[in-house]
Amino acid sequence: MPSLPTHLMLLNLIGGGRLGRTLVRAWRDAGYCEIGAVLCRDVAHARAAVAFIGAGQPTIALNALPAAELWLIATPDGAIAQIAAMLAQTGRPRAGDLVFHASGALDAGVLAPLADRGVDCGSLHPALSFADPQRALASLPGTACALEGAAAALPRLEALAHALGGLPFRLAPGGKAAYHAATVVASNYLVTLAALAQRLAGQAGLDADATNAVLGPLMRQTLDNVLALGPATALTGPIARGDAQTVARHLAIIDDPLLGDAYRTLGLATLPLTALPTDQKEALAGLLRGETNPQS
C-alpha cells in the first residue's frame, strides 16, 4: 500500500447513504483524509451519516460545502448528473480538485459540467455489497475496485482504492457499461439461475431442504472450478458431451415457456465452450432452437 499523503486532504461527501458513509469512514479510519461536509437531502440523514463516519459537518445546502481537494458524489445514479451540474454552477470544486462518483453503471462522462471547468473527474466502484455498512467496512480490504475517468484522475483514484485496502484496476475507455453488465450477469443472474434450478428440482419432487442440499454444493463447486480452471475446462454435462438425447429429454419435460426459453438460450451460449466437432455443435444448436429432434 502506498504511503499516506503528508498533507491530509479534505473530502466532501454528497449523499450519505450506505455506500457513501462506508467509503468515507474507511478513508477517515485509514488516516487518508479529513472530512469536510456531509450533504444529504435532510439534516437528520446527514447527522446520522456524520455519526457513522465519526467526522464531518452535516448540511443540506450545496453552497455550504467548504473548499476541498476531494469530492465524492454518492447519490443514487439518477441524481449524479444533476448534482454535477449544480456543483459546477457553484464554482466550489476548483480546477485540479478530484470529483468522483461510485456508481457501478455510470462513467465519468456524467460529470462533464465539472470536467469543463478543469476539475479532474472519474469513478471508483468497489465490487462489494453495501447492504450493511458495518459489514461492508470490514469487507473492503481485498475488494476489487473499478476505476475510470480522466488521465489526471486515475492515479488519485488508485491511491484512494489502496487506502481502502482495495485492489484497483482500470477499465478500458468506454468500458463502464460492459463492466456493469458483467457484474449483473455474475451476481444478479446467478440468483435467477438458482431460482430456475429450484423450480426444476421442485418439479422432480424435491422439497426446499433437499433442493438446497443438492444444488448448493454443486453450484459452489462449479463456481470454484470456473475460477480455478476457466469456463471451458470447468464445463461438464450433456452439452459438453454432445448428448443430444439427454438435452431433448430435458426440453420435453420443461412445461414452463420462460424456463424452456432460458434453458435453450443458456444451452446455445454454452456450445462455444465445448470442444465438440462442428457437426455435433450444429445438431445441438438446431435442437435447442427447436429445429431438429434426435432419434431415440
Protein backbone atom coordinates (compact mmCIF):
# COMPACT_ATOMS: atom_id res chain seq x y z
CA MET A 1 0.00 0.00 0.00
CA PRO A 2 1.41 3.44 -0.84
CA SER A 3 2.41 5.79 1.98
CA LEU A 4 -0.19 8.22 3.24
CA PRO A 5 -0.04 11.82 1.98
CA THR A 6 1.94 14.19 4.19
CA HIS A 7 -0.85 16.75 3.83
CA LEU A 8 -4.26 15.37 4.72
CA MET A 9 -6.66 16.40 2.00
CA LEU A 10 -10.21 17.47 2.78
CA LEU A 11 -13.07 15.39 1.38
CA ASN A 12 -16.70 16.43 0.97
CA LEU A 13 -19.38 13.74 0.71
CA ILE A 14 -22.58 14.37 -1.23
CA GLY A 15 -25.04 11.59 -0.45
CA GLY A 16 -24.67 9.97 2.96
CA GLY A 17 -26.28 6.61 2.22
CA ARG A 18 -24.81 3.20 2.96
CA LEU A 19 -22.16 3.30 0.24
CA GLY A 20 -21.02 6.87 0.78
CA ARG A 21 -20.78 6.72 4.54
CA THR A 22 -18.92 3.39 4.41
CA LEU A 23 -16.25 4.58 1.97
CA VAL A 24 -15.70 7.88 3.75
CA ARG A 25 -15.49 6.15 7.13
CA ALA A 26 -12.86 3.80 5.69
CA TRP A 27 -10.76 6.68 4.36
CA ARG A 28 -11.02 8.51 7.68
CA ASP A 29 -10.10 5.37 9.65
CA ALA A 30 -7.08 4.89 7.38
CA GLY A 31 -5.95 8.45 8.09
CA TYR A 32 -6.05 9.21 4.38
CA CYS A 33 -8.09 12.40 4.51
CA GLU A 34 -10.05 14.73 6.72
CA ILE A 35 -13.80 15.10 6.33
CA GLY A 36 -15.32 18.45 5.45
CA ALA A 37 -19.08 18.35 4.99
CA VAL A 38 -21.64 15.58 4.51
CA LEU A 39 -24.58 16.71 2.41
CA CYS A 40 -27.92 14.90 2.36
CA ARG A 41 -31.48 15.83 1.43
CA ASP A 42 -32.50 16.13 5.10
CA VAL A 43 -30.40 17.11 8.07
CA ALA A 44 -31.32 14.04 10.15
CA HIS A 45 -29.88 11.78 7.45
CA ALA A 46 -26.77 13.94 7.26
CA ARG A 47 -26.31 13.79 11.03
CA ALA A 48 -26.69 10.01 11.01
CA ALA A 49 -24.02 9.72 8.30
CA VAL A 50 -21.68 12.00 10.25
CA ALA A 51 -22.24 9.90 13.38
CA PHE A 52 -21.27 6.73 11.49
CA ILE A 53 -18.23 8.37 9.87
CA GLY A 54 -17.13 9.99 13.12
CA ALA A 55 -16.35 13.31 11.49
CA GLY A 56 -17.76 15.96 9.17
CA GLN A 57 -20.28 18.78 9.23
CA PRO A 58 -23.87 17.81 8.34
CA THR A 59 -25.56 20.06 5.80
CA ILE A 60 -28.38 20.18 3.27
CA ALA A 61 -27.03 23.10 1.20
CA LEU A 62 -24.58 22.82 -1.67
CA ASN A 63 -23.47 26.40 -1.05
CA ALA A 64 -22.44 25.42 2.48
CA LEU A 65 -19.81 22.94 1.27
CA PRO A 66 -16.27 24.08 2.07
CA ALA A 67 -13.38 24.10 -0.37
CA ALA A 68 -11.91 20.59 -0.65
CA GLU A 69 -9.48 18.62 -2.76
CA LEU A 70 -11.71 15.52 -2.90
CA TRP A 71 -15.44 15.33 -3.65
CA LEU A 72 -17.40 12.07 -3.60
CA ILE A 73 -20.88 12.07 -5.13
CA ALA A 74 -22.61 9.01 -3.66
CA THR A 75 -26.22 9.81 -4.54
CA PRO A 76 -28.47 7.43 -6.50
CA ASP A 77 -27.37 7.17 -10.13
CA GLY A 78 -30.28 9.24 -11.43
CA ALA A 79 -29.19 12.28 -9.40
CA ILE A 80 -25.45 12.33 -10.21
CA ALA A 81 -25.70 14.40 -13.40
CA GLN A 82 -27.92 16.98 -11.72
CA ILE A 83 -25.58 17.24 -8.73
CA ALA A 84 -22.59 17.65 -11.06
CA ALA A 85 -24.33 20.47 -12.92
CA MET A 86 -25.32 22.21 -9.68
CA LEU A 87 -21.80 21.86 -8.29
CA ALA A 88 -20.37 23.36 -11.45
CA GLN A 89 -22.69 26.35 -11.07
CA THR A 90 -21.49 26.96 -7.50
CA GLY A 91 -17.85 27.02 -8.65
CA ARG A 92 -16.93 25.20 -5.46
CA PRO A 93 -14.81 22.36 -6.92
CA ARG A 94 -11.75 24.10 -8.32
CA ALA A 95 -9.60 23.20 -11.31
CA GLY A 96 -7.37 20.35 -10.17
CA ASP A 97 -9.77 19.09 -7.48
CA LEU A 98 -10.92 15.47 -7.85
CA VAL A 99 -14.66 14.86 -8.14
CA PHE A 100 -15.67 11.21 -8.44
CA HIS A 101 -18.70 9.01 -8.05
CA ALA A 102 -19.09 5.38 -7.03
CA SER A 103 -21.76 4.24 -9.48
CA GLY A 104 -21.27 0.81 -10.99
CA ALA A 105 -23.18 1.69 -14.16
CA LEU A 106 -22.24 5.29 -15.00
CA ASP A 107 -18.87 6.56 -16.17
CA ALA A 108 -17.11 9.88 -15.68
CA GLY A 109 -18.98 11.42 -18.60
CA VAL A 110 -21.87 12.16 -16.26
CA LEU A 111 -19.59 14.69 -14.54
CA ALA A 112 -18.97 16.65 -17.77
CA PRO A 113 -20.05 20.09 -16.42
CA LEU A 114 -17.28 19.84 -13.84
CA ALA A 115 -14.70 18.50 -16.29
CA ASP A 116 -15.43 21.52 -18.48
CA ARG A 117 -14.25 23.70 -15.59
CA GLY A 118 -10.90 21.89 -15.30
CA VAL A 119 -11.93 19.58 -12.47
CA ASP A 120 -10.40 16.08 -12.55
CA CYS A 121 -13.33 13.66 -12.87
CA GLY A 122 -13.64 9.89 -12.57
CA SER A 123 -15.37 6.99 -10.89
CA LEU A 124 -14.37 4.39 -8.32
CA HIS A 125 -16.64 1.38 -7.94
CA PRO A 126 -15.88 -1.25 -5.28
CA ALA A 127 -17.36 -4.61 -6.33
CA LEU A 128 -18.99 -5.16 -2.95
CA SER A 129 -22.45 -5.17 -1.41
CA PHE A 130 -23.10 -2.24 0.92
CA ALA A 131 -26.37 -3.55 2.37
CA ASP A 132 -24.87 -3.38 5.88
CA PRO A 133 -22.30 -0.55 6.23
CA GLN A 134 -20.55 -2.12 9.24
CA ARG A 135 -20.11 -5.46 7.46
CA ALA A 136 -19.09 -3.71 4.24
CA LEU A 137 -16.47 -1.71 6.15
CA ALA A 138 -14.86 -4.93 7.36
CA SER A 139 -15.02 -6.45 3.87
CA LEU A 140 -13.39 -3.59 1.95
CA PRO A 141 -9.79 -4.89 2.24
CA GLY A 142 -9.11 -7.06 -0.81
CA THR A 143 -12.13 -5.76 -2.72
CA ALA A 144 -11.67 -5.19 -6.45
CA CYS A 145 -12.23 -1.52 -7.36
CA ALA A 146 -13.04 -0.49 -10.95
CA LEU A 147 -11.57 2.87 -11.95
CA GLU A 148 -12.09 5.08 -14.99
CA GLY A 149 -12.02 8.73 -15.88
CA ALA A 150 -9.62 11.49 -16.88
CA ALA A 151 -5.94 10.60 -17.10
CA ALA A 152 -5.12 13.00 -14.28
CA ALA A 153 -7.79 11.41 -12.07
CA LEU A 154 -6.68 7.79 -12.37
CA PRO A 155 -3.55 7.86 -10.16
CA ARG A 156 -5.51 9.69 -7.48
CA LEU A 157 -8.34 7.16 -7.69
CA GLU A 158 -5.81 4.34 -7.40
CA ALA A 159 -4.45 5.92 -4.22
CA LEU A 160 -7.98 6.16 -2.82
CA ALA A 161 -8.62 2.49 -3.64
CA HIS A 162 -5.36 1.43 -1.99
CA ALA A 163 -6.29 3.46 1.10
CA LEU A 164 -9.42 1.30 1.38
CA GLY A 165 -7.27 -1.82 1.17
CA GLY A 166 -8.82 -2.38 -2.25
CA LEU A 167 -7.38 -3.86 -5.42
CA PRO A 168 -7.78 -1.18 -8.13
CA PHE A 169 -7.98 -1.92 -11.83
CA ARG A 170 -8.53 0.44 -14.75
CA LEU A 171 -11.36 -0.04 -17.21
CA ALA A 172 -10.88 0.50 -20.92
CA PRO A 173 -12.20 3.85 -22.16
CA GLY A 174 -15.95 3.47 -22.67
CA GLY A 175 -15.92 0.13 -20.84
CA LYS A 176 -18.04 1.01 -17.80
CA ALA A 177 -21.35 -0.28 -19.24
CA ALA A 178 -19.78 -3.61 -20.22
CA TYR A 179 -18.18 -3.90 -16.78
CA HIS A 180 -21.50 -3.28 -15.08
CA ALA A 181 -23.29 -5.75 -17.35
CA ALA A 182 -20.68 -8.36 -16.40
CA THR A 183 -21.34 -7.82 -12.70
CA VAL A 184 -25.09 -8.06 -13.27
CA VAL A 185 -24.73 -11.37 -15.11
CA ALA A 186 -22.33 -12.74 -12.50
CA SER A 187 -24.33 -11.62 -9.47
CA ASN A 188 -27.99 -10.85 -10.24
CA TYR A 189 -28.45 -13.51 -12.89
CA LEU A 190 -26.77 -16.12 -10.71
CA VAL A 191 -29.71 -15.59 -8.35
CA THR A 192 -32.11 -16.04 -11.28
CA LEU A 193 -30.30 -19.19 -12.39
CA ALA A 194 -30.59 -20.64 -8.89
CA ALA A 195 -34.32 -19.86 -8.84
CA LEU A 196 -34.84 -21.62 -12.19
CA ALA A 197 -32.92 -24.67 -10.99
CA GLN A 198 -35.01 -24.74 -7.82
CA ARG A 199 -38.21 -24.76 -9.88
CA LEU A 200 -36.99 -27.75 -11.87
CA ALA A 201 -35.99 -29.52 -8.66
CA GLY A 202 -39.47 -28.89 -7.32
CA GLN A 203 -40.91 -30.45 -10.48
CA ALA A 204 -38.83 -33.54 -9.63
CA GLY A 205 -40.47 -33.70 -6.19
CA LEU A 206 -37.66 -32.25 -4.05
CA ASP A 207 -38.66 -30.08 -1.10
CA ALA A 208 -36.76 -26.91 -0.21
CA ASP A 209 -34.27 -28.59 2.11
CA ALA A 210 -33.46 -31.35 -0.37
CA THR A 211 -33.17 -28.82 -3.19
CA ASN A 212 -30.66 -26.73 -1.24
CA ALA A 213 -28.72 -29.83 -0.24
CA VAL A 214 -28.38 -30.88 -3.89
CA LEU A 215 -27.94 -27.56 -5.67
CA GLY A 216 -25.96 -25.57 -3.09
CA PRO A 217 -22.77 -27.67 -3.01
CA LEU A 218 -22.99 -28.23 -6.77
CA MET A 219 -23.15 -24.50 -7.52
CA ARG A 220 -20.32 -23.70 -5.09
CA GLN A 221 -18.07 -26.41 -6.52
CA THR A 222 -18.83 -25.35 -10.08
CA LEU A 223 -18.03 -21.71 -9.33
CA ASP A 224 -14.76 -22.73 -7.67
CA ASN A 225 -13.88 -24.79 -10.75
CA VAL A 226 -14.69 -21.92 -13.12
CA LEU A 227 -12.48 -19.52 -11.18
CA ALA A 228 -9.63 -22.02 -10.87
CA LEU A 229 -9.77 -23.71 -14.28
CA GLY A 230 -11.64 -21.35 -16.59
CA PRO A 231 -15.13 -21.87 -18.09
CA ALA A 232 -14.18 -24.27 -20.90
CA THR A 233 -12.27 -26.67 -18.63
CA ALA A 234 -14.85 -26.47 -15.85
CA LEU A 235 -17.75 -27.29 -18.18
CA THR A 236 -19.38 -30.70 -17.76
CA GLY A 237 -22.80 -32.12 -18.62
CA PRO A 238 -24.78 -33.19 -21.66
CA ILE A 239 -23.88 -30.28 -23.94
CA ALA A 240 -20.17 -30.69 -23.19
CA ARG A 241 -20.55 -34.39 -24.12
CA GLY A 242 -22.69 -33.73 -27.18
CA ASP A 243 -25.53 -35.77 -25.63
CA ALA A 244 -28.45 -34.57 -27.75
CA GLN A 245 -30.86 -37.21 -26.44
CA THR A 246 -30.48 -36.02 -22.84
CA VAL A 247 -30.96 -32.40 -23.92
CA ALA A 248 -34.11 -33.43 -25.80
CA ARG A 249 -35.48 -35.18 -22.72
CA HIS A 250 -34.87 -32.07 -20.65
CA LEU A 251 -36.71 -29.90 -23.17
CA ALA A 252 -39.60 -32.34 -23.28
CA ILE A 253 -40.30 -32.16 -19.54
CA ILE A 254 -39.99 -28.39 -19.11
CA ASP A 255 -43.56 -27.14 -19.26
CA ASP A 256 -42.89 -23.50 -18.35
CA PRO A 257 -42.24 -21.44 -21.50
CA LEU A 258 -40.00 -18.95 -19.70
CA LEU A 259 -37.91 -21.71 -18.15
CA GLY A 260 -37.74 -23.51 -21.50
CA ASP A 261 -36.54 -20.36 -23.25
CA ALA A 262 -33.88 -19.88 -20.57
CA TYR A 263 -32.66 -23.48 -20.97
CA ARG A 264 -32.44 -23.09 -24.75
CA THR A 265 -30.67 -19.74 -24.59
CA LEU A 266 -28.17 -20.90 -22.00
CA GLY A 267 -27.57 -24.06 -23.99
CA LEU A 268 -26.79 -22.08 -27.13
CA ALA A 269 -24.43 -19.86 -25.13
CA THR A 270 -22.71 -22.97 -23.77
CA LEU A 271 -21.94 -24.54 -27.16
CA PRO A 272 -18.93 -22.30 -27.96
CA LEU A 273 -17.27 -23.51 -24.74
CA THR A 274 -17.26 -27.13 -25.90
CA ALA A 275 -14.64 -29.00 -27.93
CA LEU A 276 -17.31 -30.80 -29.96
CA PRO A 277 -16.91 -31.31 -33.71
CA THR A 278 -18.72 -28.74 -35.83
CA ASP A 279 -21.43 -31.16 -36.95
CA GLN A 280 -22.34 -32.03 -33.35
CA LYS A 281 -22.45 -28.37 -32.39
CA GLU A 282 -24.74 -27.62 -35.32
CA ALA A 283 -27.02 -30.53 -34.45
CA LEU A 284 -27.30 -29.40 -30.83
CA ALA A 285 -27.89 -25.82 -31.92
CA GLY A 286 -30.73 -26.95 -34.14
CA LEU A 287 -32.24 -28.95 -31.30
CA LEU A 288 -32.03 -26.02 -28.91
CA ARG A 289 -33.64 -23.75 -31.47
CA GLY A 290 -36.44 -26.29 -31.95
CA GLU A 291 -35.36 -27.18 -35.48
CA THR A 292 -34.48 -30.86 -35.04
CA ASN A 293 -35.19 -33.84 -32.81
CA PRO A 294 -32.64 -36.61 -32.15
CA GLN A 295 -33.61 -40.18 -32.84
CA SER A 296 -34.16 -42.13 -29.65
